[in-house]
Structures are given as C-alpha cells and as structure tokens.
Amino acid sequence: GVRLVESGGGSANSGGSLRLSCAVDGAARDAECVGWFRQAPGKEREGLSAIYRGGGVPIVADSVEGRFLISQAIDRRTVYLQMNSLTSEDAGTYFCAAGECRLRSDGIVYWGKGTLVAISS
C-alpha cells in the first residue's frame, strides 16, 4: 500500500501563499497518481491537482488553475502543492491522495489524514 502524510498547513493572509507537502511512502499499481483534494466545511471534497508518479503533465482543476502548482521531488517521495493568491474560498482541510489520475474522490485508493488551511483577511 501507500502511506501519505501531509504537512505545511496553517494560516495565511488573503493574497498570501502556502506550500503543502505530502510524504509518500510506498508504491502500488492502484496509485498511479498522487494529488491534492480540499474539503471546506459543509462542502464536498474537491479535487485540485494531481501528478503522475512517473512524470508527465499535471492535472489541474479550473478552480485553482494559475494559482496552485503541484510538483514532486526527484525521488518521488514528496509531492508539493504551492498555493498562491489565496482567498477565503481556499480555506479548508487539504488531503493528499493517491489513486487514479483524475480529480474524483471515487478514484482515490489512499488518503492522508489532512492538514488544515485557514485564510485571514
């Protein structure tokens, strides 16, 4: 299986930036991609971006296109989410996830526990 541990959450000012990290331990045939999802209070979990573990063009949701950038370390053991131009809409719990290469929760096999992001105006 694959174990995922997020870090880097916290509080940021509106218009500011945060970088989240996901430590990826293990590999599996059913974890072709590693990505990030977000869940705000009272809302459904939303897929933000995903990256193929073997490299390639990342998948990015329209809602964060141009503001969030996913990347992975050369050893593929860490996946990052650089978040810029943050707004109150970006507040929520951010989950690292591994599974199919699409931004849908039903395609995810492995989940991290999540890290909280708060935005202050």
N, C-alpha and C. Protein backbone atom coordinates (compact mmCIF):
# COMPACT_ATOMS: atom_id res chain seq x y z
N GLY A 1 0.81 -1.19 0.00
CA GLY A 1 0.00 0.00 0.00
C GLY A 1 0.85 1.24 0.00
N VAL A 2 0.17 2.38 0.11
CA VAL A 2 0.82 3.69 0.10
C VAL A 2 0.38 4.46 1.34
N ARG A 3 1.34 5.02 2.03
CA ARG A 3 1.04 5.86 3.19
C ARG A 3 1.35 7.30 2.84
N LEU A 4 0.42 8.19 3.19
CA LEU A 4 0.55 9.60 2.83
C LEU A 4 0.45 10.45 4.09
N VAL A 5 1.38 11.37 4.26
CA VAL A 5 1.37 12.25 5.43
C VAL A 5 1.54 13.69 4.97
N GLU A 6 0.55 14.51 5.26
CA GLU A 6 0.59 15.91 4.86
C GLU A 6 1.27 16.77 5.92
N SER A 7 1.83 17.88 5.47
CA SER A 7 2.36 18.89 6.37
C SER A 7 2.32 20.23 5.64
N GLY A 8 2.50 21.30 6.40
CA GLY A 8 2.58 22.62 5.80
C GLY A 8 1.32 23.46 5.90
N GLY A 9 0.26 22.90 6.44
CA GLY A 9 -0.95 23.68 6.61
C GLY A 9 -0.76 24.73 7.70
N GLY A 10 -1.72 25.61 7.81
CA GLY A 10 -1.65 26.66 8.80
C GLY A 10 -2.49 27.83 8.37
N SER A 11 -2.11 29.01 8.81
CA SER A 11 -2.86 30.21 8.50
C SER A 11 -2.09 31.09 7.54
N ALA A 12 -2.80 31.68 6.62
CA ALA A 12 -2.19 32.61 5.67
C ALA A 12 -3.11 33.79 5.49
N ASN A 13 -2.54 34.91 5.10
CA ASN A 13 -3.35 36.09 4.80
C ASN A 13 -3.95 35.97 3.42
N SER A 14 -5.09 36.59 3.23
CA SER A 14 -5.67 36.64 1.91
C SER A 14 -4.68 37.31 0.95
N GLY A 15 -4.48 36.66 -0.18
CA GLY A 15 -3.48 37.14 -1.12
C GLY A 15 -2.10 36.53 -0.91
N GLY A 16 -1.95 35.81 0.17
CA GLY A 16 -0.67 35.20 0.50
C GLY A 16 -0.49 33.83 -0.11
N SER A 17 0.54 33.14 0.37
CA SER A 17 0.92 31.83 -0.18
C SER A 17 1.19 30.84 0.93
N LEU A 18 1.01 29.57 0.59
CA LEU A 18 1.40 28.46 1.47
C LEU A 18 1.90 27.33 0.58
N ARG A 19 2.77 26.52 1.13
CA ARG A 19 3.19 25.32 0.41
C ARG A 19 2.91 24.10 1.28
N LEU A 20 2.15 23.20 0.74
CA LEU A 20 1.86 21.95 1.41
C LEU A 20 2.80 20.87 0.90
N SER A 21 3.13 19.94 1.80
CA SER A 21 3.96 18.80 1.42
C SER A 21 3.24 17.51 1.76
N CYS A 22 3.48 16.51 0.96
CA CYS A 22 2.91 15.19 1.21
C CYS A 22 4.04 14.17 1.11
N ALA A 23 4.34 13.53 2.22
CA ALA A 23 5.34 12.47 2.23
C ALA A 23 4.68 11.19 1.75
N VAL A 24 5.24 10.61 0.71
CA VAL A 24 4.68 9.41 0.08
C VAL A 24 5.56 8.22 0.41
N ASP A 25 4.98 7.26 1.10
CA ASP A 25 5.74 6.07 1.49
C ASP A 25 5.11 4.85 0.83
N GLY A 26 5.85 4.22 -0.08
CA GLY A 26 5.35 3.03 -0.74
C GLY A 26 4.87 3.31 -2.15
N ALA A 27 4.54 2.24 -2.84
CA ALA A 27 4.05 2.32 -4.21
C ALA A 27 3.07 1.19 -4.43
N ALA A 28 2.17 1.40 -5.36
CA ALA A 28 1.18 0.37 -5.65
C ALA A 28 0.65 0.58 -7.06
N ARG A 29 0.22 -0.50 -7.67
CA ARG A 29 -0.31 -0.42 -9.04
C ARG A 29 -1.54 0.47 -9.09
N ASP A 30 -2.28 0.52 -7.97
CA ASP A 30 -3.51 1.30 -7.96
C ASP A 30 -3.28 2.74 -7.49
N ALA A 31 -2.03 3.18 -7.49
CA ALA A 31 -1.71 4.55 -7.08
C ALA A 31 -0.83 5.19 -8.14
N GLU A 32 -1.39 5.31 -9.33
CA GLU A 32 -0.64 5.86 -10.46
C GLU A 32 -0.35 7.34 -10.28
N CYS A 33 -1.25 8.04 -9.60
CA CYS A 33 -1.11 9.47 -9.39
C CYS A 33 -1.19 9.81 -7.91
N VAL A 34 -0.55 10.91 -7.55
CA VAL A 34 -0.68 11.49 -6.21
C VAL A 34 -1.21 12.91 -6.41
N GLY A 35 -2.16 13.30 -5.62
CA GLY A 35 -2.74 14.62 -5.80
C GLY A 35 -3.27 15.21 -4.51
N TRP A 36 -3.94 16.33 -4.67
CA TRP A 36 -4.48 17.07 -3.53
C TRP A 36 -5.97 17.31 -3.72
N PHE A 37 -6.69 17.11 -2.63
CA PHE A 37 -8.11 17.42 -2.56
C PHE A 37 -8.32 18.41 -1.42
N ARG A 38 -9.42 19.09 -1.48
CA ARG A 38 -9.75 20.07 -0.45
C ARG A 38 -11.21 19.89 -0.04
N GLN A 39 -11.45 20.04 1.24
CA GLN A 39 -12.83 20.00 1.73
C GLN A 39 -13.08 21.15 2.69
N ALA A 40 -13.98 22.02 2.29
CA ALA A 40 -14.39 23.13 3.14
C ALA A 40 -15.59 22.69 3.97
N PRO A 41 -15.80 23.31 5.12
CA PRO A 41 -16.93 22.94 5.96
C PRO A 41 -18.26 23.01 5.20
N GLY A 42 -19.03 21.92 5.26
CA GLY A 42 -20.33 21.89 4.61
C GLY A 42 -20.29 21.66 3.12
N LYS A 43 -19.08 21.43 2.58
CA LYS A 43 -18.96 21.22 1.13
C LYS A 43 -18.38 19.85 0.83
N GLU A 44 -18.56 19.42 -0.41
CA GLU A 44 -17.99 18.15 -0.83
C GLU A 44 -16.48 18.27 -1.03
N ARG A 45 -15.83 17.13 -0.94
CA ARG A 45 -14.40 17.12 -1.19
C ARG A 45 -14.14 17.40 -2.67
N GLU A 46 -13.20 18.29 -2.92
CA GLU A 46 -12.94 18.79 -4.28
C GLU A 46 -11.53 18.43 -4.70
N GLY A 47 -11.37 17.83 -5.87
CA GLY A 47 -10.05 17.53 -6.41
C GLY A 47 -9.41 18.79 -6.96
N LEU A 48 -8.16 19.03 -6.61
CA LEU A 48 -7.47 20.26 -7.02
C LEU A 48 -6.42 20.02 -8.09
N SER A 49 -5.57 19.06 -7.84
CA SER A 49 -4.48 18.82 -8.78
C SER A 49 -3.88 17.45 -8.51
N ALA A 50 -3.32 16.85 -9.54
CA ALA A 50 -2.69 15.54 -9.39
C ALA A 50 -1.52 15.43 -10.33
N ILE A 51 -0.58 14.58 -9.95
CA ILE A 51 0.63 14.42 -10.76
C ILE A 51 0.93 12.95 -10.90
N TYR A 52 1.31 12.55 -12.10
CA TYR A 52 1.69 11.17 -12.36
C TYR A 52 3.00 10.86 -11.65
N ARG A 53 3.06 9.77 -10.95
CA ARG A 53 4.28 9.43 -10.23
C ARG A 53 5.44 9.19 -11.19
N GLY A 54 5.13 8.77 -12.39
CA GLY A 54 6.17 8.54 -13.37
C GLY A 54 6.54 9.78 -14.17
N GLY A 55 5.93 10.90 -13.83
CA GLY A 55 6.20 12.15 -14.53
C GLY A 55 5.17 12.42 -15.60
N GLY A 56 5.11 13.62 -16.08
CA GLY A 56 4.14 14.00 -17.08
C GLY A 56 3.45 15.29 -16.71
N VAL A 57 2.52 15.69 -17.52
CA VAL A 57 1.82 16.96 -17.30
C VAL A 57 0.82 16.79 -16.15
N PRO A 58 0.87 17.65 -15.16
CA PRO A 58 -0.07 17.53 -14.05
C PRO A 58 -1.50 17.82 -14.48
N ILE A 59 -2.43 17.33 -13.69
CA ILE A 59 -3.85 17.61 -13.88
C ILE A 59 -4.22 18.71 -12.89
N VAL A 60 -4.90 19.74 -13.37
CA VAL A 60 -5.21 20.89 -12.52
C VAL A 60 -6.68 21.26 -12.69
N ALA A 61 -7.37 21.46 -11.58
CA ALA A 61 -8.77 21.88 -11.63
C ALA A 61 -8.86 23.34 -12.07
N ASP A 62 -9.93 23.66 -12.77
CA ASP A 62 -10.13 25.03 -13.24
C ASP A 62 -10.14 26.01 -12.07
N SER A 63 -10.65 25.57 -10.93
CA SER A 63 -10.81 26.48 -9.79
C SER A 63 -9.48 26.99 -9.24
N VAL A 64 -8.40 26.29 -9.50
CA VAL A 64 -7.10 26.70 -8.97
C VAL A 64 -6.05 26.89 -10.07
N GLU A 65 -6.45 26.73 -11.31
CA GLU A 65 -5.53 26.90 -12.43
C GLU A 65 -4.88 28.28 -12.37
N GLY A 66 -3.57 28.32 -12.51
CA GLY A 66 -2.85 29.59 -12.48
C GLY A 66 -2.47 30.07 -11.09
N ARG A 67 -3.02 29.45 -10.05
CA ARG A 67 -2.69 29.84 -8.67
C ARG A 67 -1.99 28.74 -7.90
N PHE A 68 -2.38 27.50 -8.14
CA PHE A 68 -1.80 26.36 -7.43
C PHE A 68 -0.91 25.58 -8.39
N LEU A 69 0.22 25.13 -7.86
CA LEU A 69 1.16 24.38 -8.67
C LEU A 69 1.59 23.13 -7.92
N ILE A 70 1.38 21.97 -8.56
CA ILE A 70 1.79 20.71 -7.95
C ILE A 70 3.13 20.30 -8.52
N SER A 71 3.94 19.67 -7.66
CA SER A 71 5.23 19.18 -8.12
C SER A 71 5.63 18.01 -7.23
N GLN A 72 6.64 17.27 -7.68
CA GLN A 72 7.12 16.19 -6.83
C GLN A 72 8.64 16.19 -6.82
N ALA A 73 9.19 15.71 -5.72
CA ALA A 73 10.63 15.64 -5.59
C ALA A 73 11.18 14.61 -6.58
N ILE A 74 12.46 14.75 -6.88
CA ILE A 74 13.09 13.85 -7.85
C ILE A 74 12.97 12.40 -7.41
N ASP A 75 13.06 12.15 -6.12
CA ASP A 75 12.94 10.76 -5.64
C ASP A 75 11.49 10.31 -5.52
N ARG A 76 10.55 11.20 -5.86
CA ARG A 76 9.12 10.90 -5.89
C ARG A 76 8.55 10.57 -4.51
N ARG A 77 9.28 10.93 -3.46
CA ARG A 77 8.80 10.59 -2.12
C ARG A 77 8.10 11.76 -1.45
N THR A 78 8.08 12.90 -2.14
CA THR A 78 7.35 14.04 -1.62
C THR A 78 6.63 14.73 -2.77
N VAL A 79 5.38 15.08 -2.53
CA VAL A 79 4.60 15.84 -3.51
C VAL A 79 4.21 17.16 -2.85
N TYR A 80 4.40 18.22 -3.59
CA TYR A 80 4.16 19.55 -3.05
C TYR A 80 2.94 20.20 -3.72
N LEU A 81 2.30 21.09 -3.00
CA LEU A 81 1.27 21.95 -3.58
C LEU A 81 1.59 23.38 -3.18
N GLN A 82 2.07 24.15 -4.12
CA GLN A 82 2.33 25.57 -3.91
C GLN A 82 1.05 26.33 -4.17
N MET A 83 0.58 27.04 -3.18
CA MET A 83 -0.69 27.75 -3.30
C MET A 83 -0.43 29.25 -3.20
N ASN A 84 -0.82 29.98 -4.23
CA ASN A 84 -0.60 31.42 -4.30
C ASN A 84 -1.92 32.17 -4.43
N SER A 85 -1.87 33.46 -4.16
CA SER A 85 -3.06 34.32 -4.28
C SER A 85 -4.26 33.72 -3.55
N LEU A 86 -4.02 33.33 -2.32
CA LEU A 86 -5.05 32.65 -1.54
C LEU A 86 -6.22 33.58 -1.22
N THR A 87 -7.40 33.00 -1.22
CA THR A 87 -8.61 33.72 -0.84
C THR A 87 -9.35 32.92 0.24
N SER A 88 -10.39 33.52 0.78
CA SER A 88 -11.17 32.84 1.80
C SER A 88 -11.78 31.55 1.27
N GLU A 89 -11.99 31.48 -0.04
CA GLU A 89 -12.55 30.28 -0.65
C GLU A 89 -11.59 29.09 -0.59
N ASP A 90 -10.32 29.37 -0.31
CA ASP A 90 -9.32 28.30 -0.27
C ASP A 90 -9.20 27.67 1.11
N ALA A 91 -9.91 28.19 2.08
CA ALA A 91 -9.84 27.63 3.42
C ALA A 91 -10.49 26.25 3.46
N GLY A 92 -9.91 25.36 4.28
CA GLY A 92 -10.47 24.03 4.40
C GLY A 92 -9.40 23.04 4.80
N THR A 93 -9.78 21.78 4.79
CA THR A 93 -8.83 20.71 5.07
C THR A 93 -8.32 20.16 3.74
N TYR A 94 -7.03 20.09 3.62
CA TYR A 94 -6.38 19.62 2.40
C TYR A 94 -5.87 18.20 2.61
N PHE A 95 -6.25 17.34 1.69
CA PHE A 95 -5.88 15.94 1.78
C PHE A 95 -4.96 15.55 0.63
N CYS A 96 -3.92 14.84 0.97
CA CYS A 96 -3.11 14.20 -0.05
C CYS A 96 -3.77 12.87 -0.38
N ALA A 97 -3.74 12.51 -1.65
CA ALA A 97 -4.46 11.32 -2.09
C ALA A 97 -3.69 10.60 -3.19
N ALA A 98 -3.84 9.31 -3.26
CA ALA A 98 -3.19 8.53 -4.32
C ALA A 98 -4.19 7.55 -4.92
N GLY A 99 -4.13 7.44 -6.23
CA GLY A 99 -5.06 6.54 -6.90
C GLY A 99 -5.04 6.79 -8.39
N GLU A 100 -6.24 6.82 -8.98
CA GLU A 100 -6.35 7.05 -10.41
C GLU A 100 -5.98 8.50 -10.74
N CYS A 101 -5.61 8.72 -11.98
CA CYS A 101 -5.18 10.05 -12.40
C CYS A 101 -6.37 10.88 -12.87
N ARG A 102 -7.26 11.16 -11.97
CA ARG A 102 -8.38 12.06 -12.23
C ARG A 102 -8.81 12.67 -10.92
N LEU A 103 -9.41 13.81 -10.96
CA LEU A 103 -9.70 14.57 -9.75
C LEU A 103 -11.08 14.21 -9.18
N ARG A 104 -11.27 12.93 -8.95
CA ARG A 104 -12.53 12.44 -8.39
C ARG A 104 -12.25 11.58 -7.17
N SER A 105 -13.01 11.81 -6.13
CA SER A 105 -12.79 11.06 -4.89
C SER A 105 -12.97 9.56 -5.09
N ASP A 106 -13.88 9.18 -5.99
CA ASP A 106 -14.13 7.74 -6.16
C ASP A 106 -13.00 7.03 -6.88
N GLY A 107 -12.03 7.79 -7.35
CA GLY A 107 -10.86 7.18 -7.98
C GLY A 107 -9.68 7.06 -7.05
N ILE A 108 -9.87 7.49 -5.81
CA ILE A 108 -8.77 7.51 -4.84
C ILE A 108 -8.79 6.24 -4.00
N VAL A 109 -7.60 5.65 -3.84
CA VAL A 109 -7.46 4.44 -3.06
C VAL A 109 -6.86 4.74 -1.68
N TYR A 110 -5.94 5.71 -1.66
CA TYR A 110 -5.23 6.02 -0.42
C TYR A 110 -5.42 7.50 -0.09
N TRP A 111 -5.66 7.78 1.18
CA TRP A 111 -5.85 9.15 1.66
C TRP A 111 -4.91 9.44 2.82
N GLY A 112 -4.43 10.68 2.88
CA GLY A 112 -3.77 11.14 4.09
C GLY A 112 -4.81 11.60 5.09
N LYS A 113 -4.37 12.00 6.25
CA LYS A 113 -5.30 12.43 7.30
C LYS A 113 -5.75 13.87 7.13
N GLY A 114 -5.03 14.64 6.33
CA GLY A 114 -5.43 16.01 6.06
C GLY A 114 -4.65 17.02 6.88
N THR A 115 -4.56 18.23 6.33
CA THR A 115 -3.94 19.34 7.03
C THR A 115 -4.83 20.56 6.82
N LEU A 116 -5.00 21.34 7.88
CA LEU A 116 -5.95 22.44 7.86
C LEU A 116 -5.31 23.74 7.36
N VAL A 117 -6.02 24.41 6.49
CA VAL A 117 -5.59 25.72 5.97
C VAL A 117 -6.65 26.75 6.33
N ALA A 118 -6.22 27.82 6.97
CA ALA A 118 -7.11 28.92 7.33
C ALA A 118 -6.62 30.18 6.64
N ILE A 119 -7.55 30.98 6.18
CA ILE A 119 -7.22 32.21 5.48
C ILE A 119 -7.80 33.39 6.26
N SER A 120 -6.97 34.34 6.56
CA SER A 120 -7.44 35.53 7.27
C SER A 120 -7.39 36.73 6.34
N SER A 121 -8.42 37.57 6.44
CA SER A 121 -8.48 38.75 5.56
C SER A 121 -7.79 39.94 6.19
